[in-house]
Amino acid sequence: MPEYSDHFAPEGLRIRGTVLVVPGRGETRAAYTRFGRRLAADAYRVRIIDAPEIDADDLTGSLAGFGAQLATALEGTAAQDGVVRPVVLVGADTGAAAVAALLGQEETPAARRPEAVVLAGLPGHTATEAGDWDEELDVRTFCPAHRSTLTEDAGIRRSSLQDAVPDALLAAAYGGDVGVPALILVGDADPLADRDAVARTAKSLSLARLSVVRDAHHDVLNDLQHRSVAAEIITFLETLRNELTSVIAVESSAW
C-alpha cells in the first residue's frame, strides 16, 4: 500500500483546497514536513507523496504510473463530501519535471487534471559535481534547519543530484503546456537551473508566473527564504480561489 505524509487544517476551519506535494531526486517525504505544516496552517489539506520513479527508457510508462500514483493519493484525501477543490500539485526538482511532463500530454484525462500547479526548482541538463555531502548540501540549501533535516534523514539518497535528468523528461517538461495556472519558482543561486529554459517555458505557457527567489539554491521550497516562498505559494492559492484576481493591489509604495 502507498504511504503518505498528511498535514491537516486546524480543527474547526473549513478546508480551502487540497495540495499534493511531489519530492525530487533522492528526497523523502520528510524533507517537506515543514512546508506541509505551513500550508496546512492556512487551512489547506496537504498530502506529501513519494518521489516518482522515472525510467529513462520508458517515459510513457513512467508517466502513466506517476499519474496513477497521483490519482490514488488524491482519492485518499476525500472527506465525506469528496476531495476538496481546488487541487494543486506542487513539484520539486524531478517531481516538478514529472508534473509538467504529465500534464503536458494531450491524453491526460480531464478528471485527473488539477486546478493549478507549482513547479519549484525545475532542473536543467546540468548535474552537480559535488564530491561530498557538505558540497551537495551547499547545492541544495543554506538553511541550517533543512540541512539538519536532510542529514538526519536515513532514507535520503545522497549524491542523487549527480544523476542526470533524462533528456526525454526534460523535453516533455519544457516543451508542453500544463494547461492550468502555473507558479514557477526558481532560486537565482541554483546551479542546477537552466534559467533561459525556465524563462522560455514561463512565457510559452498559457497561464504562468515566474518568481525568482533571491539568493535561493536548488531546494527553493526549503532554503533560507522558505517563509517568503511559502507566502508566495499561499498568495497564489488564494488568487486561484479568486479566479486569478489578486486580493491585494498595491496602490502606493515608497519601497
Foldseek 3Di string as FASTA:
>chain_A
DFDKDWEAAPPPDAALAEEEEAEDFQDAQLLCPVVRNVVSPVRHIYIYGYHFDADLVCRPVSLVVVLVVQVVRQQVVQDPVGHGDQYEYEYAAVRLLSLLLNLQDPPNDPVSAGQEYERALHFDQDADPDDDLVSVVVQAAPAPVSSVSQVPDPRGDPPRSNDGDRPVSNCSNLPGESQHAYEYEYEPAEPGHPVVSVVVSQVPYPHYDYDYDYPGHRNNCDYPCVVVVSVVVVQVSVCSVVVVDGPDDDPDDPD
